[in-house]
N, C-alpha and C. Protein backbone atom coordinates (compact mmCIF):
# COMPACT_ATOMS: atom_id res chain seq x y z
N MET A 1 157.60 70.28 -116.49
CA MET A 1 156.78 71.43 -116.13
C MET A 1 156.36 71.32 -114.67
N THR A 2 156.50 72.39 -113.92
CA THR A 2 156.17 72.40 -112.51
C THR A 2 154.73 72.85 -112.31
N THR A 3 153.97 72.08 -111.53
CA THR A 3 152.57 72.43 -111.24
C THR A 3 152.52 73.28 -109.98
N ARG A 4 151.92 74.43 -110.08
CA ARG A 4 151.83 75.35 -108.94
C ARG A 4 150.78 74.86 -107.95
N VAL A 5 151.14 74.73 -106.69
CA VAL A 5 150.20 74.35 -105.64
C VAL A 5 149.24 75.50 -105.40
N PRO A 6 147.91 75.26 -105.43
CA PRO A 6 146.95 76.35 -105.22
C PRO A 6 147.16 77.04 -103.88
N ASP A 7 147.23 78.36 -103.90
CA ASP A 7 147.41 79.13 -102.68
C ASP A 7 146.07 79.34 -101.99
N PHE A 8 146.01 79.01 -100.72
CA PHE A 8 144.75 79.07 -99.98
C PHE A 8 144.18 80.48 -99.98
N ASP A 9 144.99 81.50 -99.75
CA ASP A 9 144.50 82.88 -99.71
C ASP A 9 143.99 83.33 -101.07
N ASP A 10 144.64 82.87 -102.16
CA ASP A 10 144.17 83.23 -103.50
C ASP A 10 142.79 82.64 -103.77
N LEU A 11 142.55 81.41 -103.28
CA LEU A 11 141.28 80.74 -103.53
C LEU A 11 140.15 81.28 -102.67
N ILE A 12 140.42 81.55 -101.42
CA ILE A 12 139.37 81.86 -100.44
C ILE A 12 139.29 83.33 -100.10
N GLY A 13 140.43 84.04 -100.15
CA GLY A 13 140.44 85.42 -99.70
C GLY A 13 140.90 85.51 -98.25
N THR A 14 140.96 86.71 -97.74
CA THR A 14 141.48 86.91 -96.39
C THR A 14 140.46 87.54 -95.46
N ASP A 15 139.20 87.66 -95.89
CA ASP A 15 138.22 88.38 -95.09
C ASP A 15 137.18 87.46 -94.46
N LEU A 16 137.53 86.18 -94.24
CA LEU A 16 136.59 85.25 -93.64
C LEU A 16 136.68 85.29 -92.12
N PRO A 17 135.59 84.97 -91.42
CA PRO A 17 135.66 84.77 -89.97
C PRO A 17 136.65 83.66 -89.64
N ALA A 18 137.26 83.74 -88.47
CA ALA A 18 138.32 82.81 -88.11
C ALA A 18 137.85 81.36 -88.14
N ALA A 19 136.63 81.10 -87.66
CA ALA A 19 136.14 79.71 -87.61
C ALA A 19 135.96 79.16 -89.02
N ASP A 20 135.39 79.97 -89.94
CA ASP A 20 135.21 79.52 -91.32
C ASP A 20 136.55 79.31 -92.00
N ARG A 21 137.46 80.23 -91.76
CA ARG A 21 138.79 80.11 -92.39
C ARG A 21 139.51 78.84 -91.93
N ARG A 22 139.39 78.53 -90.65
CA ARG A 22 140.06 77.33 -90.12
C ARG A 22 139.47 76.06 -90.72
N ARG A 23 138.12 76.02 -90.83
CA ARG A 23 137.47 74.84 -91.38
C ARG A 23 137.85 74.63 -92.85
N LEU A 24 137.85 75.73 -93.62
CA LEU A 24 138.20 75.62 -95.03
C LEU A 24 139.67 75.29 -95.23
N LYS A 25 140.53 75.79 -94.35
CA LYS A 25 141.96 75.48 -94.46
C LYS A 25 142.20 73.99 -94.24
N GLU A 26 141.46 73.40 -93.31
CA GLU A 26 141.60 71.95 -93.08
C GLU A 26 141.18 71.18 -94.33
N ALA A 27 140.05 71.60 -94.95
CA ALA A 27 139.60 70.93 -96.18
C ALA A 27 140.61 71.11 -97.31
N HIS A 28 141.16 72.32 -97.44
CA HIS A 28 142.16 72.61 -98.47
C HIS A 28 143.38 71.69 -98.30
N ASP A 29 143.86 71.54 -97.09
CA ASP A 29 145.04 70.70 -96.84
C ASP A 29 144.74 69.23 -97.15
N LEU A 30 143.53 68.78 -96.83
CA LEU A 30 143.16 67.40 -97.14
C LEU A 30 143.13 67.15 -98.64
N LEU A 31 142.62 68.12 -99.39
CA LEU A 31 142.58 67.99 -100.84
C LEU A 31 143.98 67.91 -101.43
N LEU A 32 144.88 68.72 -100.93
CA LEU A 32 146.25 68.69 -101.43
C LEU A 32 146.91 67.35 -101.15
N ARG A 33 146.66 66.79 -99.98
CA ARG A 33 147.25 65.49 -99.64
C ARG A 33 146.64 64.37 -100.48
N ALA A 34 145.35 64.50 -100.81
CA ALA A 34 144.68 63.45 -101.59
C ALA A 34 145.20 63.40 -103.02
N GLY A 35 145.67 64.54 -103.54
CA GLY A 35 146.18 64.58 -104.90
C GLY A 35 145.06 64.69 -105.92
N PRO A 36 145.39 64.80 -107.20
CA PRO A 36 144.37 64.97 -108.25
C PRO A 36 143.49 63.74 -108.38
N LEU A 37 142.22 63.97 -108.75
CA LEU A 37 141.29 62.87 -108.97
C LEU A 37 141.63 62.16 -110.28
N PRO A 38 141.32 60.85 -110.37
CA PRO A 38 141.62 60.12 -111.61
C PRO A 38 140.81 60.66 -112.78
N GLU A 39 141.41 60.64 -113.95
CA GLU A 39 140.76 61.12 -115.17
C GLU A 39 140.34 59.94 -116.03
N LEU A 40 139.15 60.02 -116.63
CA LEU A 40 138.76 59.03 -117.62
C LEU A 40 139.53 59.28 -118.91
N PRO A 41 139.79 58.23 -119.71
CA PRO A 41 140.47 58.44 -120.99
C PRO A 41 139.70 59.43 -121.86
N ALA A 42 140.44 60.27 -122.54
CA ALA A 42 139.81 61.29 -123.39
C ALA A 42 138.89 60.66 -124.42
N SER A 43 139.22 59.46 -124.87
CA SER A 43 138.40 58.81 -125.89
C SER A 43 137.01 58.48 -125.39
N LEU A 44 136.87 58.27 -124.07
CA LEU A 44 135.57 57.94 -123.52
C LEU A 44 134.75 59.17 -123.23
N LEU A 45 135.38 60.32 -123.11
CA LEU A 45 134.67 61.55 -122.80
C LEU A 45 134.28 62.34 -124.04
N ARG A 46 134.79 61.93 -125.20
CA ARG A 46 134.60 62.73 -126.41
C ARG A 46 133.23 62.46 -127.04
N LEU A 47 132.48 63.51 -127.25
CA LEU A 47 131.22 63.42 -127.99
C LEU A 47 131.44 64.03 -129.36
N THR A 48 130.78 63.50 -130.38
CA THR A 48 130.96 64.08 -131.70
C THR A 48 130.36 65.47 -131.75
N GLU A 49 130.96 66.35 -132.52
CA GLU A 49 130.46 67.72 -132.63
C GLU A 49 129.04 67.73 -133.18
N THR A 50 128.74 66.80 -134.08
CA THR A 50 127.40 66.76 -134.65
C THR A 50 126.36 66.44 -133.58
N ALA A 51 126.66 65.46 -132.72
CA ALA A 51 125.71 65.09 -131.67
C ALA A 51 125.53 66.23 -130.68
N LEU A 52 126.60 66.89 -130.32
CA LEU A 52 126.51 68.02 -129.40
C LEU A 52 125.61 69.11 -129.95
N ARG A 53 125.78 69.40 -131.24
CA ARG A 53 125.00 70.48 -131.86
C ARG A 53 123.53 70.09 -132.00
N ARG A 54 123.28 68.90 -132.46
CA ARG A 54 121.90 68.48 -132.72
C ARG A 54 121.11 68.30 -131.44
N LEU A 55 121.72 67.73 -130.41
CA LEU A 55 120.99 67.40 -129.19
C LEU A 55 121.07 68.50 -128.14
N ARG A 56 121.67 69.65 -128.50
CA ARG A 56 121.72 70.82 -127.63
C ARG A 56 122.40 70.50 -126.30
N LEU A 57 123.47 69.70 -126.37
CA LEU A 57 124.21 69.34 -125.16
C LEU A 57 125.15 70.47 -124.79
N VAL A 58 125.36 70.62 -123.47
CA VAL A 58 126.30 71.62 -122.97
C VAL A 58 127.21 70.94 -121.97
N PRO A 59 128.42 71.49 -121.74
CA PRO A 59 129.29 70.90 -120.73
C PRO A 59 128.66 71.00 -119.35
N PRO A 60 129.09 70.14 -118.40
CA PRO A 60 128.61 70.28 -117.03
C PRO A 60 128.89 71.68 -116.50
N PRO A 61 128.12 72.15 -115.51
CA PRO A 61 128.29 73.52 -114.99
C PRO A 61 129.72 73.81 -114.59
N ALA A 62 130.18 75.05 -114.87
CA ALA A 62 131.54 75.46 -114.52
C ALA A 62 131.67 75.64 -113.02
N ARG A 63 132.91 75.72 -112.57
CA ARG A 63 133.15 75.96 -111.14
C ARG A 63 132.57 77.30 -110.72
N ARG A 64 132.14 77.38 -109.47
CA ARG A 64 131.56 78.61 -108.97
C ARG A 64 132.64 79.65 -108.67
N PRO A 65 132.29 80.95 -108.66
CA PRO A 65 133.27 81.98 -108.33
C PRO A 65 133.83 81.79 -106.94
N ARG A 66 134.94 82.48 -106.67
CA ARG A 66 135.65 82.31 -105.42
C ARG A 66 134.75 82.55 -104.21
N ARG A 67 133.92 83.58 -104.25
CA ARG A 67 133.09 83.91 -103.09
C ARG A 67 132.08 82.82 -102.79
N ALA A 68 131.71 82.02 -103.80
CA ALA A 68 130.72 80.98 -103.56
C ALA A 68 131.30 79.82 -102.77
N VAL A 69 132.63 79.78 -102.60
CA VAL A 69 133.25 78.69 -101.86
C VAL A 69 132.74 78.63 -100.43
N VAL A 70 132.52 79.80 -99.84
CA VAL A 70 132.06 79.84 -98.46
C VAL A 70 130.73 79.12 -98.31
N ALA A 71 129.83 79.27 -99.30
CA ALA A 71 128.50 78.68 -99.22
C ALA A 71 128.54 77.16 -99.30
N VAL A 72 129.63 76.61 -99.86
CA VAL A 72 129.71 75.16 -100.00
C VAL A 72 130.88 74.60 -99.19
N ALA A 73 131.19 75.24 -98.09
CA ALA A 73 132.32 74.81 -97.27
C ALA A 73 132.15 73.38 -96.79
N ALA A 74 130.96 73.04 -96.35
CA ALA A 74 130.72 71.69 -95.85
C ALA A 74 130.91 70.66 -96.96
N ALA A 75 130.45 71.00 -98.18
CA ALA A 75 130.61 70.07 -99.29
C ALA A 75 132.08 69.88 -99.66
N VAL A 76 132.85 70.95 -99.60
CA VAL A 76 134.28 70.85 -99.90
C VAL A 76 134.96 69.92 -98.92
N ALA A 77 134.62 70.06 -97.64
CA ALA A 77 135.23 69.20 -96.63
C ALA A 77 134.85 67.74 -96.88
N ALA A 78 133.59 67.50 -97.23
CA ALA A 78 133.16 66.13 -97.48
C ALA A 78 133.89 65.53 -98.67
N ILE A 79 134.10 66.34 -99.72
CA ILE A 79 134.82 65.85 -100.89
C ILE A 79 136.24 65.48 -100.54
N ALA A 80 136.88 66.31 -99.71
CA ALA A 80 138.25 66.04 -99.32
C ALA A 80 138.37 64.74 -98.55
N LEU A 81 137.41 64.48 -97.68
CA LEU A 81 137.45 63.27 -96.87
C LEU A 81 137.09 62.02 -97.67
N ALA A 82 136.39 62.22 -98.80
CA ALA A 82 135.92 61.08 -99.59
C ALA A 82 136.56 61.04 -100.96
N ALA A 83 137.77 61.56 -101.11
CA ALA A 83 138.40 61.62 -102.43
C ALA A 83 138.52 60.23 -103.06
N GLY A 84 138.74 59.23 -102.23
CA GLY A 84 138.85 57.88 -102.75
C GLY A 84 137.59 57.38 -103.41
N TYR A 85 136.47 57.96 -103.05
CA TYR A 85 135.20 57.55 -103.65
C TYR A 85 135.20 57.72 -105.16
N PHE A 86 135.80 58.81 -105.63
CA PHE A 86 135.75 59.13 -107.05
C PHE A 86 136.58 58.16 -107.87
N ALA A 87 137.55 57.51 -107.25
CA ALA A 87 138.36 56.55 -107.98
C ALA A 87 137.55 55.32 -108.37
N ALA A 88 136.44 55.09 -107.68
CA ALA A 88 135.61 53.91 -107.96
C ALA A 88 134.16 54.31 -108.06
N ASP A 89 133.89 55.44 -108.71
CA ASP A 89 132.53 55.96 -108.71
C ASP A 89 131.55 55.03 -109.39
N HIS A 90 131.95 54.30 -110.45
CA HIS A 90 131.02 53.39 -111.11
C HIS A 90 130.70 52.21 -110.21
N ARG A 91 131.71 51.70 -109.49
CA ARG A 91 131.49 50.56 -108.62
C ARG A 91 130.57 50.91 -107.47
N ARG A 92 130.63 52.12 -106.98
CA ARG A 92 129.86 52.53 -105.81
C ARG A 92 128.60 53.30 -106.18
N GLY A 93 128.27 53.36 -107.46
CA GLY A 93 127.03 54.01 -107.84
C GLY A 93 127.16 55.46 -108.22
N GLY A 94 128.38 55.98 -108.33
CA GLY A 94 128.56 57.37 -108.74
C GLY A 94 128.27 57.54 -110.22
N PHE A 95 128.14 58.79 -110.65
CA PHE A 95 127.85 59.06 -112.07
C PHE A 95 128.67 60.27 -112.50
N ARG A 96 129.44 60.10 -113.56
CA ARG A 96 130.28 61.18 -114.07
C ARG A 96 129.72 61.64 -115.40
N ALA A 97 129.25 62.89 -115.48
CA ALA A 97 128.61 63.41 -116.69
C ALA A 97 129.64 63.96 -117.66
N ALA A 98 129.50 63.56 -118.94
CA ALA A 98 130.32 64.13 -120.00
C ALA A 98 129.64 65.33 -120.63
N ALA A 99 128.31 65.39 -120.53
CA ALA A 99 127.55 66.51 -121.07
C ALA A 99 126.19 66.56 -120.38
N VAL A 100 125.54 67.72 -120.47
CA VAL A 100 124.26 67.94 -119.80
C VAL A 100 123.29 68.58 -120.78
N VAL A 101 122.04 68.15 -120.75
CA VAL A 101 121.02 68.77 -121.59
C VAL A 101 119.82 69.12 -120.71
N GLU A 102 119.29 70.31 -120.90
CA GLU A 102 118.15 70.79 -120.13
C GLU A 102 116.85 70.60 -120.93
N MET A 103 115.78 70.23 -120.22
CA MET A 103 114.47 70.08 -120.83
C MET A 103 113.49 71.02 -120.15
N HIS A 104 112.53 71.53 -120.92
CA HIS A 104 111.53 72.42 -120.35
C HIS A 104 110.14 71.88 -120.62
N GLY A 105 109.18 72.28 -119.79
CA GLY A 105 107.83 71.81 -119.93
C GLY A 105 107.12 72.42 -121.12
N THR A 106 106.12 71.71 -121.63
CA THR A 106 105.28 72.20 -122.72
C THR A 106 103.97 72.72 -122.12
N ALA A 107 103.04 73.09 -122.99
CA ALA A 107 101.73 73.56 -122.52
C ALA A 107 101.01 72.46 -121.75
N ALA A 108 101.35 71.19 -122.01
CA ALA A 108 100.72 70.08 -121.30
C ALA A 108 101.29 69.87 -119.91
N ALA A 109 102.45 70.46 -119.62
CA ALA A 109 103.09 70.35 -118.30
C ALA A 109 103.94 71.59 -118.07
N PRO A 110 103.31 72.76 -117.92
CA PRO A 110 104.05 74.03 -117.92
C PRO A 110 105.03 74.22 -116.76
N ILE A 111 104.81 73.55 -115.63
CA ILE A 111 105.72 73.75 -114.49
C ILE A 111 106.81 72.69 -114.43
N ALA A 112 106.80 71.74 -115.35
CA ALA A 112 107.77 70.65 -115.31
C ALA A 112 109.10 71.07 -115.90
N SER A 113 110.16 70.41 -115.45
CA SER A 113 111.50 70.61 -116.01
C SER A 113 112.30 69.33 -115.79
N ALA A 114 113.39 69.20 -116.52
CA ALA A 114 114.22 68.00 -116.38
C ALA A 114 115.65 68.31 -116.82
N THR A 115 116.58 67.54 -116.29
CA THR A 115 117.98 67.61 -116.68
C THR A 115 118.46 66.21 -117.01
N ILE A 116 119.08 66.04 -118.17
CA ILE A 116 119.68 64.76 -118.55
C ILE A 116 121.19 64.91 -118.46
N ARG A 117 121.80 64.14 -117.60
CA ARG A 117 123.27 64.07 -117.52
C ARG A 117 123.71 62.84 -118.30
N LEU A 118 124.44 63.09 -119.35
CA LEU A 118 124.85 62.03 -120.26
C LEU A 118 126.26 61.57 -119.93
N GLY A 119 126.41 60.28 -119.61
CA GLY A 119 127.72 59.74 -119.32
C GLY A 119 128.51 59.44 -120.58
N SER A 120 129.70 58.89 -120.42
CA SER A 120 130.54 58.54 -121.56
C SER A 120 130.06 57.25 -122.20
N ARG A 121 130.11 57.19 -123.51
CA ARG A 121 129.68 56.01 -124.25
C ARG A 121 130.61 54.84 -123.94
N ASP A 122 130.02 53.65 -123.66
CA ASP A 122 130.86 52.50 -123.37
C ASP A 122 131.20 51.75 -124.66
N ARG A 123 131.97 50.69 -124.53
CA ARG A 123 132.46 49.97 -125.71
C ARG A 123 131.33 49.31 -126.48
N ALA A 124 130.22 49.01 -125.81
CA ALA A 124 129.08 48.38 -126.48
C ALA A 124 128.20 49.38 -127.20
N GLY A 125 128.46 50.68 -127.01
CA GLY A 125 127.65 51.70 -127.67
C GLY A 125 126.55 52.29 -126.83
N ASN A 126 126.55 52.02 -125.51
CA ASN A 126 125.54 52.56 -124.62
C ASN A 126 125.94 53.92 -124.07
N TRP A 127 124.98 54.85 -124.07
CA TRP A 127 125.17 56.15 -123.42
C TRP A 127 124.38 56.14 -122.10
N PRO A 128 125.01 55.97 -120.95
CA PRO A 128 124.27 56.02 -119.68
C PRO A 128 123.72 57.41 -119.44
N MET A 129 122.53 57.48 -118.86
CA MET A 129 121.85 58.75 -118.62
C MET A 129 121.37 58.80 -117.17
N LEU A 130 121.61 59.93 -116.51
CA LEU A 130 121.03 60.20 -115.21
C LEU A 130 120.02 61.33 -115.40
N VAL A 131 118.73 61.00 -115.26
CA VAL A 131 117.65 61.94 -115.58
C VAL A 131 117.00 62.42 -114.28
N SER A 132 116.98 63.73 -114.09
CA SER A 132 116.33 64.34 -112.93
C SER A 132 115.11 65.12 -113.41
N VAL A 133 113.93 64.76 -112.90
CA VAL A 133 112.68 65.34 -113.37
C VAL A 133 111.95 66.02 -112.22
N LYS A 134 111.44 67.23 -112.48
CA LYS A 134 110.68 67.96 -111.48
C LYS A 134 109.31 68.35 -112.04
N GLY A 135 108.31 68.37 -111.16
CA GLY A 135 107.03 68.95 -111.52
C GLY A 135 106.07 68.05 -112.26
N LEU A 136 106.37 66.75 -112.39
CA LEU A 136 105.42 65.83 -113.01
C LEU A 136 104.62 65.12 -111.92
N PRO A 137 103.31 64.96 -112.09
CA PRO A 137 102.49 64.32 -111.05
C PRO A 137 102.57 62.80 -111.14
N PRO A 138 102.36 62.09 -110.02
CA PRO A 138 102.22 60.63 -110.09
C PRO A 138 101.05 60.26 -110.99
N LEU A 139 101.20 59.15 -111.71
CA LEU A 139 100.17 58.72 -112.66
C LEU A 139 99.29 57.63 -112.04
N PRO A 140 98.07 57.47 -112.57
CA PRO A 140 97.22 56.37 -112.10
C PRO A 140 97.89 55.01 -112.33
N ARG A 141 97.42 54.03 -111.64
CA ARG A 141 97.98 52.68 -111.74
C ARG A 141 98.06 52.24 -113.20
N GLY A 142 99.19 51.70 -113.60
CA GLY A 142 99.40 51.25 -114.97
C GLY A 142 100.03 52.29 -115.88
N GLY A 143 100.03 53.56 -115.45
CA GLY A 143 100.63 54.60 -116.27
C GLY A 143 102.11 54.77 -115.96
N TYR A 144 102.85 55.38 -116.87
CA TYR A 144 104.27 55.64 -116.67
C TYR A 144 104.71 56.73 -117.65
N TYR A 145 105.89 57.28 -117.38
CA TYR A 145 106.49 58.26 -118.27
C TYR A 145 107.57 57.58 -119.11
N GLN A 146 107.78 58.09 -120.33
CA GLN A 146 108.76 57.50 -121.22
C GLN A 146 109.62 58.58 -121.85
N VAL A 147 110.93 58.31 -121.93
CA VAL A 147 111.90 59.23 -122.53
C VAL A 147 112.23 58.75 -123.95
N TYR A 148 112.15 59.66 -124.90
CA TYR A 148 112.45 59.32 -126.30
C TYR A 148 113.50 60.26 -126.87
N LEU A 149 114.33 59.71 -127.75
CA LEU A 149 115.06 60.53 -128.70
C LEU A 149 114.12 60.82 -129.87
N THR A 150 114.28 61.98 -130.50
CA THR A 150 113.33 62.40 -131.53
C THR A 150 113.99 62.61 -132.89
N LYS A 151 113.14 62.48 -133.93
CA LYS A 151 113.47 62.89 -135.30
C LYS A 151 112.30 63.72 -135.81
N ASP A 152 112.59 64.89 -136.30
CA ASP A 152 111.54 65.78 -136.81
C ASP A 152 110.47 66.05 -135.76
N GLY A 153 110.89 66.12 -134.49
CA GLY A 153 109.97 66.43 -133.41
C GLY A 153 109.10 65.29 -132.95
N ARG A 154 109.30 64.08 -133.52
CA ARG A 154 108.46 62.94 -133.17
C ARG A 154 109.26 61.87 -132.44
N PRO A 155 108.61 61.08 -131.56
CA PRO A 155 109.33 60.00 -130.87
C PRO A 155 109.93 59.03 -131.87
N ALA A 156 111.22 58.70 -131.67
CA ALA A 156 111.90 57.81 -132.62
C ALA A 156 112.59 56.63 -131.95
N ALA A 157 113.10 56.81 -130.73
CA ALA A 157 113.84 55.74 -130.06
C ALA A 157 113.68 55.90 -128.55
N SER A 158 113.21 54.85 -127.88
CA SER A 158 112.98 54.92 -126.44
C SER A 158 114.29 54.82 -125.67
N CYS A 159 114.41 55.66 -124.63
CA CYS A 159 115.57 55.60 -123.73
C CYS A 159 115.17 55.07 -122.35
N GLY A 160 113.92 54.62 -122.20
CA GLY A 160 113.52 54.05 -120.93
C GLY A 160 112.27 54.69 -120.36
N THR A 161 111.75 54.09 -119.29
CA THR A 161 110.53 54.54 -118.65
C THR A 161 110.76 54.76 -117.16
N PHE A 162 109.84 55.51 -116.53
CA PHE A 162 109.96 55.76 -115.09
C PHE A 162 108.61 56.21 -114.55
N ASN A 163 108.47 56.15 -113.23
CA ASN A 163 107.36 56.73 -112.51
C ASN A 163 107.90 57.76 -111.54
N VAL A 164 107.04 58.60 -110.99
CA VAL A 164 107.47 59.65 -110.08
C VAL A 164 106.77 59.49 -108.74
N ASP A 165 107.43 60.01 -107.70
CA ASP A 165 106.87 60.01 -106.36
C ASP A 165 107.45 61.21 -105.63
N GLY A 166 106.72 62.30 -105.59
CA GLY A 166 107.23 63.51 -104.98
C GLY A 166 107.60 64.55 -106.02
N GLU A 167 108.16 65.67 -105.55
CA GLU A 167 108.46 66.79 -106.43
C GLU A 167 109.56 66.48 -107.43
N THR A 168 110.60 65.75 -106.99
CA THR A 168 111.75 65.46 -107.85
C THR A 168 112.00 63.96 -107.90
N THR A 169 112.24 63.45 -109.10
CA THR A 169 112.57 62.04 -109.29
C THR A 169 113.86 61.95 -110.10
N VAL A 170 114.78 61.09 -109.66
CA VAL A 170 116.06 60.88 -110.36
C VAL A 170 116.15 59.41 -110.74
N VAL A 171 116.35 59.13 -112.03
CA VAL A 171 116.41 57.75 -112.51
C VAL A 171 117.61 57.58 -113.44
N ARG A 172 118.14 56.37 -113.50
CA ARG A 172 119.19 56.01 -114.45
C ARG A 172 118.56 55.33 -115.66
N LEU A 173 118.81 55.87 -116.83
CA LEU A 173 118.30 55.29 -118.07
C LEU A 173 119.47 55.07 -119.03
N ASN A 174 119.17 54.75 -120.28
CA ASN A 174 120.24 54.41 -121.22
C ASN A 174 119.80 54.70 -122.65
N ALA A 175 120.75 55.16 -123.46
CA ALA A 175 120.50 55.41 -124.88
C ALA A 175 121.48 54.58 -125.71
N PRO A 176 121.09 53.37 -126.15
CA PRO A 176 122.01 52.50 -126.88
C PRO A 176 121.98 52.78 -128.38
N TYR A 177 122.14 54.06 -128.76
CA TYR A 177 121.98 54.46 -130.15
C TYR A 177 123.14 55.35 -130.60
N ASP A 178 123.19 55.58 -131.89
CA ASP A 178 124.10 56.56 -132.46
C ASP A 178 123.41 57.92 -132.36
N LEU A 179 123.87 58.77 -131.47
CA LEU A 179 123.18 60.03 -131.21
C LEU A 179 123.21 60.98 -132.40
N ASP A 180 124.12 60.76 -133.34
CA ASP A 180 124.16 61.61 -134.54
C ASP A 180 122.87 61.53 -135.35
N GLU A 181 122.10 60.47 -135.15
CA GLU A 181 120.91 60.26 -135.96
C GLU A 181 119.67 60.98 -135.41
N TYR A 182 119.79 61.63 -134.25
CA TYR A 182 118.61 62.19 -133.60
C TYR A 182 118.79 63.70 -133.36
N ARG A 183 117.66 64.35 -133.05
CA ARG A 183 117.65 65.81 -132.93
C ARG A 183 117.42 66.31 -131.51
N GLY A 184 116.88 65.48 -130.63
CA GLY A 184 116.60 65.95 -129.28
C GLY A 184 115.93 64.88 -128.45
N TRP A 185 115.44 65.27 -127.27
CA TRP A 185 114.74 64.36 -126.38
C TRP A 185 113.36 64.93 -126.04
N ILE A 186 112.41 64.04 -125.77
CA ILE A 186 111.13 64.42 -125.21
C ILE A 186 110.75 63.42 -124.12
N ILE A 187 109.81 63.81 -123.26
CA ILE A 187 109.22 62.91 -122.27
C ILE A 187 107.71 62.95 -122.47
N THR A 188 107.10 61.77 -122.54
CA THR A 188 105.66 61.66 -122.74
C THR A 188 105.04 60.82 -121.63
N ARG A 189 103.71 60.82 -121.60
CA ARG A 189 102.95 59.98 -120.68
C ARG A 189 102.46 58.76 -121.45
N ARG A 190 102.54 57.58 -120.83
CA ARG A 190 102.17 56.35 -121.53
C ARG A 190 101.26 55.47 -120.68
N ARG A 191 100.53 54.60 -121.37
CA ARG A 191 99.82 53.49 -120.76
C ARG A 191 100.08 52.27 -121.63
N PRO A 192 100.10 51.05 -121.01
CA PRO A 192 100.38 49.84 -121.81
C PRO A 192 99.45 49.71 -123.00
N SER A 193 100.01 49.27 -124.12
CA SER A 193 99.27 49.00 -125.36
C SER A 193 98.60 50.24 -125.95
N GLN A 194 99.09 51.41 -125.58
CA GLN A 194 98.56 52.64 -126.15
C GLN A 194 99.69 53.47 -126.74
N PRO A 195 99.42 54.30 -127.74
CA PRO A 195 100.47 55.14 -128.33
C PRO A 195 100.93 56.20 -127.34
N PRO A 196 102.09 56.81 -127.57
CA PRO A 196 102.56 57.87 -126.68
C PRO A 196 101.54 58.99 -126.53
N GLY A 197 101.43 59.52 -125.31
CA GLY A 197 100.55 60.65 -125.07
C GLY A 197 101.21 61.95 -125.50
N PRO A 198 100.68 63.08 -125.07
CA PRO A 198 101.24 64.38 -125.47
C PRO A 198 102.65 64.58 -124.93
N THR A 199 103.43 65.38 -125.64
CA THR A 199 104.78 65.69 -125.17
C THR A 199 104.68 66.60 -123.94
N LEU A 200 105.32 66.18 -122.84
CA LEU A 200 105.28 66.93 -121.59
C LEU A 200 106.55 67.76 -121.37
N LEU A 201 107.69 67.20 -121.80
CA LEU A 201 108.97 67.91 -121.68
C LEU A 201 109.73 67.73 -122.99
N THR A 202 110.51 68.73 -123.36
CA THR A 202 111.23 68.69 -124.62
C THR A 202 112.51 69.50 -124.54
N THR A 203 113.44 69.19 -125.46
CA THR A 203 114.66 69.99 -125.60
C THR A 203 114.51 71.01 -126.72
N SER A 204 113.41 70.97 -127.43
CA SER A 204 113.21 71.92 -128.52
C SER A 204 112.99 73.32 -127.99
N PRO A 205 113.31 74.36 -128.76
CA PRO A 205 113.07 75.73 -128.31
C PRO A 205 111.61 75.95 -127.95
N ALA A 206 111.38 76.77 -126.91
CA ALA A 206 110.01 77.04 -126.48
C ALA A 206 109.26 77.82 -127.55
């Protein structure tokens, strides 16, 4: 089977300013020379249908429409120049999401939101997680936030703890569990030797 080389005009259009068209054409040519990015084995990317349904996971965002390419021209060029990075993303700190779950704030934290990017399960049974949290305030000394998997809306299994500094915090956590056994995620406020505080973020319907 012959693979069709992407046509630059089909991807970008013909109505761009000359300077933008030239810059994007250079990035396009670099991508073609770099070749396709390496693929993870399908077995590592596969999530069970039950886990996807119960935990409200969705695939990573789809590619943007053709016109949006202009807005990310600089990013396209950077990707072309750094294609080799993706071949060793785990070694260099990269993160490849197999699924994404969105969290929304509760009445206890109405402006907060979070995104959990779930990586592929490793041979030991760990699900790596890249958690991005917005709108939570820094806590007093000794306090911290905790991420839980839930059963019947209650905390059931901890996926790790974190603190925040600024509007957005991104942390790497882990879920070493069978996700089929759980229904969703929540984030609570904690202090040492005390039970979980109120639910601040959740995957449950509002």
